[in-house]
Amino acid sequence: MENPCLNFIIASILESSEFLLIDVIHEIAHGWFGNAVTNATWEEMWLSEGLATYAQRRITTEAYGEAFTCLETLVRLDALHRQLRLLGDNNPMSKLQVKFDPGVNPSTLMNLFTYEKGFCFVSYLSELCGDIRRFDCFLRDYISQFKFKSVVAQDLIDYFLDYFPHLKDAAVSQREGLEFEHWLSGCGPPPHEPDLSPGSTLIQPVQDLKLLHMLSPTLICQPSKFELGTNGRCKKSFLAIQYSIKTNFDGL
């Protein structure tokens, strides 16, 4: 859990693999997005969580590679789409700007849409910029501009369009189907998702194993059918991959 200048973590995360270290990176990112610059209202929690998730994935891309980040993003976006199938495309909780009516529990706003749809919007802004390093500079300047202040979505959007005047002149905020207003107040899935093809080196083997499981479900309980050798760690890793497929990719 992040706090200004101090994060609290449990010991198991320190001893974990890279996927759990993502939690540490995410909480550190809140030092900028959420603490240095804070969303002014619960209705726009994505300004904290969506931006922190984007920053987290920029860091993991630099630290662990693009394929690793793409695989983690794919798993999370799949979870978002599965949740949306349960809630329905018109559920207001899928908005980035959720109407905070009396009686609504603020904790319900801490959902996958806040994180992943928010991330997709920030990623889309980065794509509009056309230069990811330039967008990094924009985020640093955004923090400097609004540090120790509370902001709303329009503050971020206005600053983005002023920072990139050629995008403002091109009216990118009004592109059909991708209007910024639609991103913020529209229900349903993200209007645009980032290209995850750079992660194919990790994603494709997992998808192949998922297909294998779908064709012969009994294999999920029979790892001995594969030539895994005598290395126990290898067998444990294979079983872990199988479990990941079963839990994260069912319903694709």
Protein backbone atom coordinates (compact mmCIF):
# COMPACT_ATOMS: atom_id res chain seq x y z
CA MET A 1 0.00 0.00 0.00
CA GLU A 2 1.44 3.34 -1.02
CA ASN A 3 1.72 6.29 1.31
CA PRO A 4 3.56 9.58 0.73
CA CYS A 5 7.29 8.80 0.97
CA LEU A 6 6.63 5.32 2.41
CA ASN A 7 5.19 2.08 1.00
CA PHE A 8 4.04 -0.86 3.11
CA ILE A 9 4.58 -4.33 1.63
CA ILE A 10 4.40 -7.88 2.92
CA ALA A 11 7.50 -10.07 3.11
CA SER A 12 6.21 -12.61 0.58
CA ILE A 13 6.38 -10.01 -2.19
CA LEU A 14 10.09 -9.43 -1.52
CA GLU A 15 10.74 -13.13 -2.07
CA SER A 16 8.51 -13.46 -5.10
CA SER A 17 9.05 -13.69 -8.84
CA GLU A 18 8.75 -10.74 -11.21
CA PHE A 19 4.96 -10.95 -11.51
CA LEU A 20 4.45 -10.16 -7.83
CA LEU A 21 7.14 -7.47 -7.95
CA ILE A 22 4.74 -5.68 -10.28
CA ASP A 23 2.78 -4.80 -7.15
CA VAL A 24 5.83 -3.05 -5.69
CA ILE A 25 6.46 -1.13 -8.92
CA HIS A 26 2.80 -0.11 -9.10
CA GLU A 27 2.81 1.25 -5.56
CA ILE A 28 6.02 3.18 -6.20
CA ALA A 29 4.37 4.70 -9.29
CA HIS A 30 1.66 6.07 -7.01
CA GLY A 31 4.32 8.35 -5.57
CA TRP A 32 3.75 10.40 -8.71
CA PHE A 33 0.22 9.46 -9.76
CA GLY A 34 -2.06 9.55 -6.74
CA ASN A 35 0.21 11.20 -4.19
CA ALA A 36 2.15 13.99 -5.94
CA VAL A 37 -0.87 14.64 -8.18
CA THR A 38 -4.19 13.47 -6.76
CA ASN A 39 -7.58 12.91 -8.36
CA ALA A 40 -9.96 15.53 -6.99
CA THR A 41 -12.87 13.13 -6.67
CA TRP A 42 -13.58 9.44 -6.19
CA GLU A 43 -15.48 9.60 -9.48
CA GLU A 44 -12.16 9.79 -11.37
CA MET A 45 -10.00 7.22 -9.62
CA TRP A 46 -8.55 6.29 -13.01
CA LEU A 47 -6.42 9.45 -12.81
CA SER A 48 -4.54 7.67 -10.05
CA GLU A 49 -4.83 3.99 -10.99
CA GLY A 50 -4.81 4.24 -14.77
CA LEU A 51 -1.76 6.51 -14.86
CA ALA A 52 0.04 4.43 -12.21
CA THR A 53 -0.65 1.28 -14.24
CA TYR A 54 0.77 2.95 -17.35
CA ALA A 55 3.88 4.06 -15.44
CA GLN A 56 4.23 0.57 -13.94
CA ARG A 57 4.23 -0.99 -17.42
CA ARG A 58 6.72 1.52 -18.77
CA ILE A 59 9.04 0.51 -15.92
CA THR A 60 8.55 -3.24 -16.41
CA THR A 61 9.17 -2.81 -20.15
CA GLU A 62 12.53 -1.23 -19.39
CA ALA A 63 13.37 -3.71 -16.61
CA TYR A 64 12.04 -7.03 -17.96
CA GLY A 65 11.36 -6.42 -21.64
CA GLU A 66 8.37 -5.68 -23.82
CA ALA A 67 7.25 -9.31 -24.09
CA PHE A 68 6.91 -9.63 -20.32
CA THR A 69 4.81 -6.46 -20.08
CA CYS A 70 2.60 -7.48 -23.01
CA LEU A 71 1.85 -10.85 -21.39
CA GLU A 72 0.93 -9.22 -18.07
CA THR A 73 -1.26 -6.70 -19.89
CA LEU A 74 -2.99 -9.45 -21.88
CA VAL A 75 -3.89 -11.34 -18.70
CA ARG A 76 -5.32 -8.22 -17.09
CA LEU A 77 -7.29 -7.13 -20.17
CA ASP A 78 -8.70 -10.63 -20.48
CA ALA A 79 -9.88 -10.37 -16.86
CA LEU A 80 -11.50 -7.01 -17.70
CA HIS A 81 -13.42 -8.48 -20.64
CA ARG A 82 -14.56 -11.44 -18.56
CA GLN A 83 -15.83 -9.08 -15.87
CA LEU A 84 -17.61 -7.03 -18.52
CA ARG A 85 -19.37 -10.15 -19.79
CA LEU A 86 -20.71 -10.67 -16.28
CA LEU A 87 -21.74 -7.04 -15.73
CA GLY A 88 -22.98 -6.21 -19.24
CA ASP A 89 -21.70 -3.60 -21.69
CA ASN A 90 -24.06 -0.93 -20.38
CA ASN A 91 -23.10 -1.21 -16.73
CA PRO A 92 -22.23 2.32 -15.47
CA MET A 93 -19.36 0.89 -13.40
CA SER A 94 -17.48 0.40 -16.68
CA LYS A 95 -17.19 4.18 -17.15
CA LEU A 96 -14.01 6.06 -16.32
CA GLN A 97 -16.12 8.88 -14.92
CA VAL A 98 -18.58 7.12 -12.63
CA LYS A 99 -21.52 9.07 -11.25
CA PHE A 100 -21.06 8.99 -7.49
CA ASP A 101 -24.68 8.89 -6.43
CA PRO A 102 -25.70 8.89 -2.74
CA GLY A 103 -25.42 5.43 -1.26
CA VAL A 104 -22.73 4.23 -3.68
CA ASN A 105 -19.82 2.64 -1.84
CA PRO A 106 -16.57 4.29 -3.02
CA SER A 107 -14.78 0.95 -2.79
CA THR A 108 -16.80 -0.30 -5.78
CA LEU A 109 -14.90 2.19 -7.92
CA MET A 110 -11.68 0.25 -7.30
CA ASN A 111 -12.32 -2.15 -10.16
CA LEU A 112 -10.60 -3.39 -13.29
CA PHE A 113 -12.07 -0.57 -15.38
CA THR A 114 -10.40 2.03 -13.18
CA TYR A 115 -7.06 0.31 -13.74
CA GLU A 116 -7.22 -1.24 -17.20
CA LYS A 117 -9.60 1.03 -19.11
CA GLY A 118 -7.73 3.94 -17.56
CA PHE A 119 -4.46 2.40 -18.70
CA CYS A 120 -5.81 1.94 -22.23
CA PHE A 121 -6.79 5.62 -22.42
CA VAL A 122 -3.34 6.76 -21.29
CA SER A 123 -1.77 4.30 -23.73
CA TYR A 124 -3.96 5.74 -26.49
CA LEU A 125 -2.74 9.25 -25.64
CA SER A 126 0.82 7.93 -25.91
CA GLU A 127 0.05 6.47 -29.35
CA LEU A 128 -1.39 9.81 -30.48
CA CYS A 129 1.86 11.45 -29.41
CA GLY A 130 3.75 9.03 -31.65
CA ASP A 131 6.93 9.02 -29.57
CA ILE A 132 6.91 7.10 -26.31
CA ARG A 133 9.97 8.95 -24.98
CA ARG A 134 8.33 12.26 -25.75
CA PHE A 135 5.25 11.05 -23.88
CA ASP A 136 7.48 10.17 -20.92
CA CYS A 137 8.59 13.80 -20.92
CA PHE A 138 4.96 14.91 -21.04
CA LEU A 139 4.13 12.85 -17.94
CA ARG A 140 7.13 14.28 -16.06
CA ASP A 141 6.05 17.81 -16.96
CA TYR A 142 2.44 16.99 -16.02
CA ILE A 143 3.66 16.01 -12.55
CA SER A 144 5.70 19.20 -12.27
CA GLN A 145 2.76 21.31 -13.41
CA PHE A 146 0.21 19.86 -10.99
CA LYS A 147 2.31 18.52 -8.10
CA PHE A 148 0.67 18.79 -4.69
CA LYS A 149 -2.65 19.61 -6.34
CA SER A 150 -5.90 17.79 -6.97
CA VAL A 151 -6.98 17.46 -10.59
CA VAL A 152 -9.90 16.34 -12.72
CA ALA A 153 -9.75 14.62 -16.11
CA GLN A 154 -10.18 17.87 -18.00
CA ASP A 155 -6.98 19.20 -16.42
CA LEU A 156 -5.03 16.28 -17.87
CA ILE A 157 -6.71 16.54 -21.27
CA ASP A 158 -6.25 20.31 -21.56
CA TYR A 159 -2.60 20.01 -20.58
CA PHE A 160 -2.08 17.19 -23.09
CA LEU A 161 -3.60 19.17 -25.96
CA ASP A 162 -1.66 22.31 -25.05
CA TYR A 163 1.55 20.27 -24.79
CA PHE A 164 1.02 18.80 -28.26
CA PRO A 165 -0.61 21.67 -30.21
CA HIS A 166 -0.40 19.77 -33.51
CA LEU A 167 -2.73 17.14 -32.00
CA LYS A 168 -5.08 19.87 -30.81
CA ASP A 169 -5.12 21.36 -34.30
CA ALA A 170 -5.88 17.93 -35.73
CA ALA A 171 -8.89 17.63 -33.39
CA VAL A 172 -7.78 14.22 -32.13
CA SER A 173 -10.15 14.55 -29.19
CA GLN A 174 -13.07 14.33 -31.63
CA ARG A 175 -12.10 11.32 -33.74
CA GLU A 176 -15.20 9.26 -34.42
CA GLY A 177 -15.54 6.38 -31.97
CA LEU A 178 -12.46 7.55 -30.07
CA GLU A 179 -13.72 10.87 -28.74
CA PHE A 180 -12.16 11.73 -25.40
CA GLU A 181 -15.63 12.27 -24.01
CA HIS A 182 -16.58 8.76 -25.10
CA TRP A 183 -13.51 7.38 -23.35
CA LEU A 184 -14.51 9.09 -20.12
CA SER A 185 -18.29 8.78 -19.99
CA GLY A 186 -19.02 5.82 -22.25
CA CYS A 187 -19.90 2.38 -20.91
CA GLY A 188 -18.34 -0.82 -22.16
CA PRO A 189 -14.83 -1.95 -23.11
CA PRO A 190 -11.97 0.41 -23.97
CA PRO A 191 -12.56 1.95 -27.43
CA HIS A 192 -8.94 1.13 -28.24
CA GLU A 193 -6.39 -1.30 -26.82
CA PRO A 194 -2.61 -1.24 -27.24
CA ASP A 195 -0.82 -3.51 -29.69
CA LEU A 196 0.39 -6.54 -27.71
CA SER A 197 2.04 -8.36 -30.62
CA PRO A 198 5.57 -7.63 -29.31
CA GLY A 199 4.74 -10.08 -26.52
CA SER A 200 4.06 -12.96 -28.91
CA THR A 201 7.21 -14.80 -27.84
CA LEU A 202 5.63 -15.33 -24.42
CA ILE A 203 1.95 -15.09 -25.31
CA GLN A 204 1.90 -17.63 -28.14
CA PRO A 205 3.27 -20.59 -26.10
CA VAL A 206 0.67 -19.92 -23.41
CA GLN A 207 -2.10 -19.75 -25.99
CA ASP A 208 -0.81 -22.97 -27.59
CA LEU A 209 -0.94 -24.72 -24.23
CA LYS A 210 -4.44 -23.39 -23.68
CA LEU A 211 -5.50 -24.86 -27.02
CA LEU A 212 -3.89 -28.15 -26.06
CA HIS A 213 -5.87 -28.15 -22.84
CA MET A 214 -9.10 -27.36 -24.70
CA LEU A 215 -8.51 -30.25 -27.12
CA SER A 216 -7.64 -32.73 -24.38
CA PRO A 217 -8.69 -31.47 -20.91
CA THR A 218 -7.33 -34.63 -19.22
CA LEU A 219 -3.79 -33.45 -19.97
CA ILE A 220 -4.16 -30.77 -17.33
CA CYS A 221 -3.93 -33.49 -14.70
CA GLN A 222 -1.35 -35.65 -16.50
CA PRO A 223 1.97 -33.80 -16.79
CA SER A 224 3.76 -37.16 -17.02
CA LYS A 225 2.60 -37.40 -20.65
CA PHE A 226 5.25 -34.78 -21.51
CA GLU A 227 9.00 -35.25 -21.60
CA LEU A 228 9.88 -32.89 -18.77
CA GLY A 229 12.98 -34.65 -17.53
CA THR A 230 13.69 -35.33 -13.89
CA ASN A 231 14.09 -31.74 -12.81
CA GLY A 232 11.40 -31.08 -10.22
CA ARG A 233 11.55 -27.33 -10.79
CA CYS A 234 10.80 -27.86 -14.47
CA LYS A 235 7.72 -29.89 -13.58
CA LYS A 236 6.58 -27.28 -11.08
CA SER A 237 7.00 -24.54 -13.68
CA PHE A 238 4.99 -26.50 -16.23
CA LEU A 239 2.20 -27.10 -13.73
CA ALA A 240 2.25 -23.40 -12.85
CA ILE A 241 1.85 -22.51 -16.53
CA GLN A 242 -1.03 -24.96 -16.84
CA TYR A 243 -2.71 -23.45 -13.79
CA SER A 244 -2.22 -19.97 -15.22
CA ILE A 245 -3.89 -21.02 -18.45
CA LYS A 246 -6.83 -22.58 -16.66
CA THR A 247 -7.44 -19.60 -14.35
CA ASN A 248 -6.53 -16.68 -16.59
CA PHE A 249 -7.63 -17.75 -20.06
CA ASP A 250 -10.86 -19.70 -19.53
CA GLY A 251 -13.57 -17.90 -21.43
CA LEU A 252 -11.36 -16.41 -24.13
